[in-house]
Amino acid sequence: MARQEIDERHVATLSAADTSGYWWYAVRQAWVEAALAGLPVHDHLDFGCGPGGVLSTLVERLSPRQALGLDGTEAAVDVAVSRGLDARYADFRLPLELPFVPNAITVLDVLEHLEDPVLALRNLKAGSAPDARLVVTVPAMPSLHSEWDDMCGHFRRYTRPTLKGHLELGGWRVERCRYFFSYCVPPAWLQRRVFKQVQDVEFPPVSPLVNALMTFAGSVERAVGGPLPFGTSIFATARPA
């Protein structure tokens, strides 16, 4: 039986949010696009593509020559394919079989779902171009780990040293590693540590005004480079070592 990295309920939540302009996705997408802008030849692999919302947006905005999404959950792959994307099931514990050699790779909120992320990163490096740019995001701050992380199938929340260590052991040279969503830490701390609440959905609905304000806060944070030593997520770029 194929191992699922996320369950079908999670897939449905993601597919409803990832192309809707929801602030969390919009902020993360802006960081990713800025990191990939200007690559001379863009053959793109979305490693852990989920239902394909991110890959669909990248194809539309960056026009890669080739694009492929891989995911460990068949239900997510089915949604991505229904969106017209080239998406395929892959077991990230095994060497990758790719139809091209990617020089741009996104691994967005995937490593926390993998029991052995270093093995997956090694397999990814083996199939990538020597000058490939890897863009990674992960949930941060183990102190924020809660039942919500367990419900989402997270093995861990990262610190910067932990993420750098996994990347380096996986054969990647870290170029940049920053916390972001720093402005989300106070409410997340209150919710998870003080009130001990477990939210019912991953992306709770917000008003258009709140959505706009949270997106704006993210753009300001990105403009100044994510300088704070905390955040609910970490953003990193790397090249093959």
C-alpha atoms as a PDB file:
ATOM      1  CA  MET A   1       0.000   0.000   0.000  1.00  0.00           C
ATOM      2  CA  ALA A   2       1.364   3.434  -0.961  1.00  0.00           C
ATOM      3  CA  ARG A   3       2.480   5.504   2.014  1.00  0.00           C
ATOM      4  CA  GLN A   4       0.579   8.777   2.323  1.00  0.00           C
ATOM      5  CA  GLU A   5       2.508  11.817   3.523  1.00  0.00           C
ATOM      6  CA  ILE A   6      -0.773  13.677   4.223  1.00  0.00           C
ATOM      7  CA  ASP A   7      -4.326  12.419   4.515  1.00  0.00           C
ATOM      8  CA  GLU A   8      -7.178  13.106   2.115  1.00  0.00           C
ATOM      9  CA  ARG A   9      -8.828  15.659   4.427  1.00  0.00           C
ATOM     10  CA  HIS A  10      -5.573  17.623   4.419  1.00  0.00           C
ATOM     11  CA  VAL A  11      -5.452  17.394   0.619  1.00  0.00           C
ATOM     12  CA  ALA A  12      -8.956  18.884   0.383  1.00  0.00           C
ATOM     13  CA  THR A  13      -7.994  21.744   2.717  1.00  0.00           C
ATOM     14  CA  LEU A  14      -4.865  22.509   0.730  1.00  0.00           C
ATOM     15  CA  SER A  15      -6.572  22.401  -2.649  1.00  0.00           C
ATOM     16  CA  ALA A  16      -9.225  24.846  -1.408  1.00  0.00           C
ATOM     17  CA  ALA A  17      -6.644  27.343  -0.142  1.00  0.00           C
ATOM     18  CA  ASP A  18      -3.571  27.202  -2.354  1.00  0.00           C
ATOM     19  CA  THR A  19      -4.968  29.185  -5.302  1.00  0.00           C
ATOM     20  CA  SER A  20      -7.506  31.353  -3.478  1.00  0.00           C
ATOM     21  CA  GLY A  21      -5.241  34.265  -2.583  1.00  0.00           C
ATOM     22  CA  TYR A  22      -5.152  33.210   1.055  1.00  0.00           C
ATOM     23  CA  TRP A  23      -2.546  35.362   2.815  1.00  0.00           C
ATOM     24  CA  TRP A  24      -0.303  32.520   4.034  1.00  0.00           C
ATOM     25  CA  TYR A  25       0.051  31.083   0.546  1.00  0.00           C
ATOM     26  CA  ALA A  26       0.473  34.519  -1.044  1.00  0.00           C
ATOM     27  CA  VAL A  27       3.320  35.413   1.325  1.00  0.00           C
ATOM     28  CA  ARG A  28       5.126  32.099   0.873  1.00  0.00           C
ATOM     29  CA  GLN A  29       4.648  32.270  -2.897  1.00  0.00           C
ATOM     30  CA  ALA A  30       6.290  35.707  -3.014  1.00  0.00           C
ATOM     31  CA  TRP A  31       9.386  34.413  -1.199  1.00  0.00           C
ATOM     32  CA  VAL A  32       9.627  31.459  -3.592  1.00  0.00           C
ATOM     33  CA  GLU A  33       9.195  33.493  -6.764  1.00  0.00           C
ATOM     34  CA  ALA A  34      11.803  36.021  -5.662  1.00  0.00           C
ATOM     35  CA  ALA A  35      14.297  33.196  -5.099  1.00  0.00           C
ATOM     36  CA  LEU A  36      13.670  31.683  -8.548  1.00  0.00           C
ATOM     37  CA  ALA A  37      13.418  34.879 -10.586  1.00  0.00           C
ATOM     38  CA  GLY A  38      16.205  35.317 -13.119  1.00  0.00           C
ATOM     39  CA  LEU A  39      17.252  31.684 -13.550  1.00  0.00           C
ATOM     40  CA  PRO A  40      18.462  31.520 -17.166  1.00  0.00           C
ATOM     41  CA  VAL A  41      17.000  28.079 -17.890  1.00  0.00           C
ATOM     42  CA  HIS A  42      14.153  27.030 -15.671  1.00  0.00           C
ATOM     43  CA  ASP A  43      13.421  23.304 -15.612  1.00  0.00           C
ATOM     44  CA  HIS A  44      11.267  23.020 -12.538  1.00  0.00           C
ATOM     45  CA  LEU A  45      10.586  20.191 -10.094  1.00  0.00           C
ATOM     46  CA  ASP A  46       8.075  20.682  -7.293  1.00  0.00           C
ATOM     47  CA  PHE A  47       9.060  17.981  -4.798  1.00  0.00           C
ATOM     48  CA  GLY A  48       6.000  17.368  -2.671  1.00  0.00           C
ATOM     49  CA  CYS A  49       3.661  19.289  -4.950  1.00  0.00           C
ATOM     50  CA  GLY A  50       0.475  18.477  -3.026  1.00  0.00           C
ATOM     51  CA  PRO A  51      -2.615  19.334  -5.074  1.00  0.00           C
ATOM     52  CA  GLY A  52      -0.520  21.508  -7.385  1.00  0.00           C
ATOM     53  CA  GLY A  53      -1.532  25.051  -6.523  1.00  0.00           C
ATOM     54  CA  VAL A  54       2.031  26.312  -6.103  1.00  0.00           C
ATOM     55  CA  LEU A  55       3.282  24.575  -9.241  1.00  0.00           C
ATOM     56  CA  SER A  56       0.339  25.889 -11.257  1.00  0.00           C
ATOM     57  CA  THR A  57       1.131  29.455 -10.185  1.00  0.00           C
ATOM     58  CA  LEU A  58       4.853  29.059 -10.884  1.00  0.00           C
ATOM     59  CA  VAL A  59       4.132  27.704 -14.366  1.00  0.00           C
ATOM     60  CA  GLU A  60       1.859  30.665 -15.068  1.00  0.00           C
ATOM     61  CA  ARG A  61       4.201  33.351 -13.719  1.00  0.00           C
ATOM     62  CA  LEU A  62       7.706  32.024 -14.410  1.00  0.00           C
ATOM     63  CA  SER A  63       7.062  30.005 -17.598  1.00  0.00           C
ATOM     64  CA  PRO A  64       9.509  27.158 -16.998  1.00  0.00           C
ATOM     65  CA  ARG A  65      10.668  25.186 -20.009  1.00  0.00           C
ATOM     66  CA  GLN A  66       9.606  21.960 -18.261  1.00  0.00           C
ATOM     67  CA  ALA A  67       7.712  21.413 -15.023  1.00  0.00           C
ATOM     68  CA  LEU A  68       6.910  18.328 -12.979  1.00  0.00           C
ATOM     69  CA  GLY A  69       5.273  17.759  -9.613  1.00  0.00           C
ATOM     70  CA  LEU A  70       5.955  14.743  -7.411  1.00  0.00           C
ATOM     71  CA  ASP A  71       4.027  13.800  -4.310  1.00  0.00           C
ATOM     72  CA  GLY A  72       3.757  10.904  -1.882  1.00  0.00           C
ATOM     73  CA  THR A  73      -0.035  11.130  -1.629  1.00  0.00           C
ATOM     74  CA  GLU A  74      -1.988   9.750  -4.561  1.00  0.00           C
ATOM     75  CA  ALA A  75      -5.088  11.846  -3.771  1.00  0.00           C
ATOM     76  CA  ALA A  76      -2.988  15.006  -4.048  1.00  0.00           C
ATOM     77  CA  VAL A  77      -1.487  13.867  -7.345  1.00  0.00           C
ATOM     78  CA  ASP A  78      -4.979  13.254  -8.725  1.00  0.00           C
ATOM     79  CA  VAL A  79      -5.984  16.858  -7.922  1.00  0.00           C
ATOM     80  CA  ALA A  80      -2.795  18.232  -9.503  1.00  0.00           C
ATOM     81  CA  VAL A  81      -3.385  16.205 -12.668  1.00  0.00           C
ATOM     82  CA  SER A  82      -6.985  17.485 -12.813  1.00  0.00           C
ATOM     83  CA  ARG A  83      -5.493  20.985 -12.886  1.00  0.00           C
ATOM     84  CA  GLY A  84      -3.641  20.117 -16.089  1.00  0.00           C
ATOM     85  CA  LEU A  85      -0.234  19.616 -14.473  1.00  0.00           C
ATOM     86  CA  ASP A  86       2.319  16.895 -15.072  1.00  0.00           C
ATOM     87  CA  ALA A  87       2.219  15.337 -11.606  1.00  0.00           C
ATOM     88  CA  ARG A  88       3.228  11.864 -10.526  1.00  0.00           C
ATOM     89  CA  TYR A  89       3.300   9.709  -7.411  1.00  0.00           C
ATOM     90  CA  ALA A  90       6.743   9.106  -5.916  1.00  0.00           C
ATOM     91  CA  ASP A  91       8.052   7.327  -2.859  1.00  0.00           C
ATOM     92  CA  PHE A  92      10.591   9.803  -1.485  1.00  0.00           C
ATOM     93  CA  ARG A  93      12.521   6.991   0.202  1.00  0.00           C
ATOM     94  CA  LEU A  94      13.602   5.706  -3.218  1.00  0.00           C
ATOM     95  CA  PRO A  95      15.830   7.152  -5.963  1.00  0.00           C
ATOM     96  CA  LEU A  96      13.879   9.489  -8.209  1.00  0.00           C
ATOM     97  CA  GLU A  97      12.970   8.674 -11.794  1.00  0.00           C
ATOM     98  CA  LEU A  98      12.715  12.028 -13.568  1.00  0.00           C
ATOM     99  CA  PRO A  99      12.039  12.807 -17.253  1.00  0.00           C
ATOM    100  CA  PHE A 100      14.467  15.747 -17.147  1.00  0.00           C
ATOM    101  CA  VAL A 101      17.245  17.136 -14.960  1.00  0.00           C
ATOM    102  CA  PRO A 102      15.784  20.035 -12.949  1.00  0.00           C
ATOM    103  CA  ASN A 103      17.776  23.157 -12.167  1.00  0.00           C
ATOM    104  CA  ALA A 104      15.011  24.722 -10.063  1.00  0.00           C
ATOM    105  CA  ILE A 105      13.485  22.714  -7.228  1.00  0.00           C
ATOM    106  CA  THR A 106      10.882  23.652  -4.649  1.00  0.00           C
ATOM    107  CA  VAL A 107      10.383  21.635  -1.462  1.00  0.00           C
ATOM    108  CA  LEU A 108       7.680  23.594   0.306  1.00  0.00           C
ATOM    109  CA  ASP A 109       6.492  22.390   3.703  1.00  0.00           C
ATOM    110  CA  VAL A 110       7.416  18.815   2.860  1.00  0.00           C
ATOM    111  CA  LEU A 111      10.468  17.800   4.915  1.00  0.00           C
ATOM    112  CA  GLU A 112       8.534  17.890   8.190  1.00  0.00           C
ATOM    113  CA  HIS A 113       6.275  15.131   6.802  1.00  0.00           C
ATOM    114  CA  LEU A 114       9.203  12.790   6.099  1.00  0.00           C
ATOM    115  CA  GLU A 115      10.599  10.416   8.688  1.00  0.00           C
ATOM    116  CA  ASP A 116      13.995  10.537   6.939  1.00  0.00           C
ATOM    117  CA  PRO A 117      14.340  13.936   5.234  1.00  0.00           C
ATOM    118  CA  VAL A 118      18.096  13.515   4.726  1.00  0.00           C
ATOM    119  CA  LEU A 119      17.550  10.441   2.557  1.00  0.00           C
ATOM    120  CA  ALA A 120      14.978  12.334   0.483  1.00  0.00           C
ATOM    121  CA  LEU A 121      17.383  15.266   0.053  1.00  0.00           C
ATOM    122  CA  ARG A 122      20.151  12.911  -1.078  1.00  0.00           C
ATOM    123  CA  ASN A 123      17.842  11.313  -3.640  1.00  0.00           C
ATOM    124  CA  LEU A 124      16.849  14.786  -4.795  1.00  0.00           C
ATOM    125  CA  LYS A 125      20.462  15.918  -5.211  1.00  0.00           C
ATOM    126  CA  ALA A 126      21.302  12.793  -7.207  1.00  0.00           C
ATOM    127  CA  GLY A 127      18.676  13.700  -9.799  1.00  0.00           C
ATOM    128  CA  SER A 128      19.348  17.444  -9.992  1.00  0.00           C
ATOM    129  CA  ALA A 129      21.549  19.616 -12.184  1.00  0.00           C
ATOM    130  CA  PRO A 130      24.981  20.521 -10.735  1.00  0.00           C
ATOM    131  CA  ASP A 131      23.949  24.197 -10.595  1.00  0.00           C
ATOM    132  CA  ALA A 132      20.403  23.594  -9.358  1.00  0.00           C
ATOM    133  CA  ARG A 133      18.777  26.018  -6.971  1.00  0.00           C
ATOM    134  CA  LEU A 134      16.791  24.417  -4.175  1.00  0.00           C
ATOM    135  CA  VAL A 135      14.099  26.424  -2.367  1.00  0.00           C
ATOM    136  CA  VAL A 136      12.837  25.002   0.929  1.00  0.00           C
ATOM    137  CA  THR A 137      10.239  26.043   3.480  1.00  0.00           C
ATOM    138  CA  VAL A 138       9.440  24.245   6.730  1.00  0.00           C
ATOM    139  CA  PRO A 139       7.429  24.967   9.893  1.00  0.00           C
ATOM    140  CA  ALA A 140       9.641  26.416  12.629  1.00  0.00           C
ATOM    141  CA  MET A 141      10.048  26.608  16.388  1.00  0.00           C
ATOM    142  CA  PRO A 142       9.716  23.236  18.155  1.00  0.00           C
ATOM    143  CA  SER A 143       8.270  25.149  21.098  1.00  0.00           C
ATOM    144  CA  LEU A 144       5.141  25.658  18.977  1.00  0.00           C
ATOM    145  CA  HIS A 145       4.649  21.938  18.357  1.00  0.00           C
ATOM    146  CA  SER A 146       1.119  20.944  19.298  1.00  0.00           C
ATOM    147  CA  GLU A 147      -1.645  18.461  18.555  1.00  0.00           C
ATOM    148  CA  TRP A 148      -2.226  20.407  15.347  1.00  0.00           C
ATOM    149  CA  ASP A 149       1.210  19.320  14.069  1.00  0.00           C
ATOM    150  CA  ASP A 150       0.390  15.730  14.931  1.00  0.00           C
ATOM    151  CA  MET A 151      -2.926  15.997  13.059  1.00  0.00           C
ATOM    152  CA  CYS A 152      -1.067  17.335  10.008  1.00  0.00           C
ATOM    153  CA  GLY A 153       1.461  14.497  10.066  1.00  0.00           C
ATOM    154  CA  HIS A 154       4.489  16.542  11.120  1.00  0.00           C
ATOM    155  CA  PHE A 155       7.430  14.588  12.478  1.00  0.00           C
ATOM    156  CA  ARG A 156       9.087  17.819  13.612  1.00  0.00           C
ATOM    157  CA  ARG A 157       9.180  21.597  13.585  1.00  0.00           C
ATOM    158  CA  TYR A 158      12.558  23.006  12.607  1.00  0.00           C
ATOM    159  CA  THR A 159      15.164  25.377  13.938  1.00  0.00           C
ATOM    160  CA  ARG A 160      17.610  27.026  11.536  1.00  0.00           C
ATOM    161  CA  PRO A 161      20.508  24.801  12.715  1.00  0.00           C
ATOM    162  CA  THR A 162      18.381  21.661  12.281  1.00  0.00           C
ATOM    163  CA  LEU A 163      17.349  22.610   8.751  1.00  0.00           C
ATOM    164  CA  LYS A 164      20.898  23.554   7.787  1.00  0.00           C
ATOM    165  CA  GLY A 165      22.126  20.251   9.195  1.00  0.00           C
ATOM    166  CA  HIS A 166      19.597  18.209   7.230  1.00  0.00           C
ATOM    167  CA  LEU A 167      20.412  20.070   4.015  1.00  0.00           C
ATOM    168  CA  GLU A 168      24.150  19.646   4.439  1.00  0.00           C
ATOM    169  CA  LEU A 169      23.846  15.945   5.285  1.00  0.00           C
ATOM    170  CA  GLY A 170      21.662  15.614   2.184  1.00  0.00           C
ATOM    171  CA  GLY A 171      24.458  17.013   0.000  1.00  0.00           C
ATOM    172  CA  TRP A 172      23.354  20.634  -0.295  1.00  0.00           C
ATOM    173  CA  ARG A 173      25.268  23.852   0.391  1.00  0.00           C
ATOM    174  CA  VAL A 174      23.043  26.359   2.163  1.00  0.00           C
ATOM    175  CA  GLU A 175      23.022  29.851   0.663  1.00  0.00           C
ATOM    176  CA  ARG A 176      20.335  31.505   2.743  1.00  0.00           C
ATOM    177  CA  CYS A 177      18.279  30.466   5.760  1.00  0.00           C
ATOM    178  CA  ARG A 178      15.789  32.871   7.356  1.00  0.00           C
ATOM    179  CA  TYR A 179      12.787  32.774   9.643  1.00  0.00           C
ATOM    180  CA  PHE A 180       9.595  34.289   8.268  1.00  0.00           C
ATOM    181  CA  PHE A 181       6.016  34.742   9.453  1.00  0.00           C
ATOM    182  CA  SER A 182       7.584  36.321  12.539  1.00  0.00           C
ATOM    183  CA  TYR A 183       4.410  38.358  13.093  1.00  0.00           C
ATOM    184  CA  CYS A 184       2.469  35.094  13.504  1.00  0.00           C
ATOM    185  CA  VAL A 185       4.478  33.938  16.520  1.00  0.00           C
ATOM    186  CA  PRO A 186       2.578  35.845  19.268  1.00  0.00           C
ATOM    187  CA  PRO A 187      -0.901  34.611  18.252  1.00  0.00           C
ATOM    188  CA  ALA A 188       0.418  31.099  17.599  1.00  0.00           C
ATOM    189  CA  TRP A 189       2.076  31.027  21.020  1.00  0.00           C
ATOM    190  CA  LEU A 190      -1.100  32.211  22.739  1.00  0.00           C
ATOM    191  CA  GLN A 191      -3.251  29.708  20.886  1.00  0.00           C
ATOM    192  CA  ARG A 192      -0.997  26.698  21.405  1.00  0.00           C
ATOM    193  CA  ARG A 193       0.760  27.344  24.699  1.00  0.00           C
ATOM    194  CA  VAL A 194      -1.547  29.582  26.733  1.00  0.00           C
ATOM    195  CA  PHE A 195      -5.062  28.647  25.624  1.00  0.00           C
ATOM    196  CA  LYS A 196      -3.998  25.187  24.314  1.00  0.00           C
ATOM    197  CA  GLN A 197      -6.450  25.377  21.444  1.00  0.00           C
ATOM    198  CA  VAL A 198      -6.328  22.996  18.483  1.00  0.00           C
ATOM    199  CA  GLN A 199      -7.777  24.582  15.358  1.00  0.00           C
ATOM    200  CA  ASP A 200     -10.228  22.563  13.293  1.00  0.00           C
ATOM    201  CA  VAL A 201      -8.832  23.584   9.908  1.00  0.00           C
ATOM    202  CA  GLU A 202      -5.325  24.438   8.753  1.00  0.00           C
ATOM    203  CA  PHE A 203      -6.312  27.711   7.085  1.00  0.00           C
ATOM    204  CA  PRO A 204      -9.246  29.265   8.976  1.00  0.00           C
ATOM    205  CA  PRO A 205     -11.292  31.759   6.932  1.00  0.00           C
ATOM    206  CA  VAL A 206     -10.493  35.438   7.447  1.00  0.00           C
ATOM    207  CA  SER A 207     -12.122  38.642   6.279  1.00  0.00           C
ATOM    208  CA  PRO A 208     -10.795  40.384   3.142  1.00  0.00           C
ATOM    209  CA  LEU A 209      -9.381  43.138   5.366  1.00  0.00           C
ATOM    210  CA  VAL A 210      -7.476  40.713   7.599  1.00  0.00           C
ATOM    211  CA  ASN A 211      -6.272  38.814   4.531  1.00  0.00           C
ATOM    212  CA  ALA A 212      -4.937  42.045   3.023  1.00  0.00           C
ATOM    213  CA  LEU A 213      -3.252  43.116   6.274  1.00  0.00           C
ATOM    214  CA  MET A 214      -1.546  39.751   6.780  1.00  0.00           C
ATOM    215  CA  THR A 215      -0.348  39.745   3.170  1.00  0.00           C
ATOM    216  CA  PHE A 216       0.997  43.283   3.559  1.00  0.00           C
ATOM    217  CA  ALA A 217       2.828  42.345   6.768  1.00  0.00           C
ATOM    218  CA  GLY A 218       4.448  39.484   4.900  1.00  0.00           C
ATOM    219  CA  SER A 219       5.575  41.761   2.067  1.00  0.00           C
ATOM    220  CA  VAL A 220       7.203  44.137   4.565  1.00  0.00           C
ATOM    221  CA  GLU A 221       8.971  41.250   6.298  1.00  0.00           C
ATOM    222  CA  ARG A 222      10.284  39.940   2.962  1.00  0.00           C
ATOM    223  CA  ALA A 223      11.420  43.411   1.886  1.00  0.00           C
ATOM    224  CA  VAL A 224      13.650  43.703   4.957  1.00  0.00           C
ATOM    225  CA  GLY A 225      14.967  40.165   4.525  1.00  0.00           C
ATOM    226  CA  GLY A 226      13.352  38.320   7.407  1.00  0.00           C
ATOM    227  CA  PRO A 227      15.815  39.682   9.995  1.00  0.00           C
ATOM    228  CA  LEU A 228      14.211  38.417  13.211  1.00  0.00           C
ATOM    229  CA  PRO A 229      15.536  35.278  14.968  1.00  0.00           C
ATOM    230  CA  PHE A 230      12.105  33.674  15.118  1.00  0.00           C
ATOM    231  CA  GLY A 231       9.086  32.934  12.936  1.00  0.00           C
ATOM    232  CA  THR A 232       6.538  30.200  12.433  1.00  0.00           C
ATOM    233  CA  SER A 233       8.339  29.106   9.227  1.00  0.00           C
ATOM    234  CA  ILE A 234      11.861  28.974   7.804  1.00  0.00           C
ATOM    235  CA  PHE A 235      12.855  29.794   4.229  1.00  0.00           C
ATOM    236  CA  ALA A 236      16.113  28.455   2.772  1.00  0.00           C
ATOM    237  CA  THR A 237      17.912  28.280  -0.563  1.00  0.00           C
ATOM    238  CA  ALA A 238      20.721  25.863  -1.371  1.00  0.00           C
ATOM    239  CA  ARG A 239      22.896  24.502  -4.183  1.00  0.00           C
ATOM    240  CA  PRO A 240      24.376  21.030  -4.622  1.00  0.00           C
ATOM    241  CA  ALA A 241      27.532  20.759  -2.524  1.00  0.00           C
END
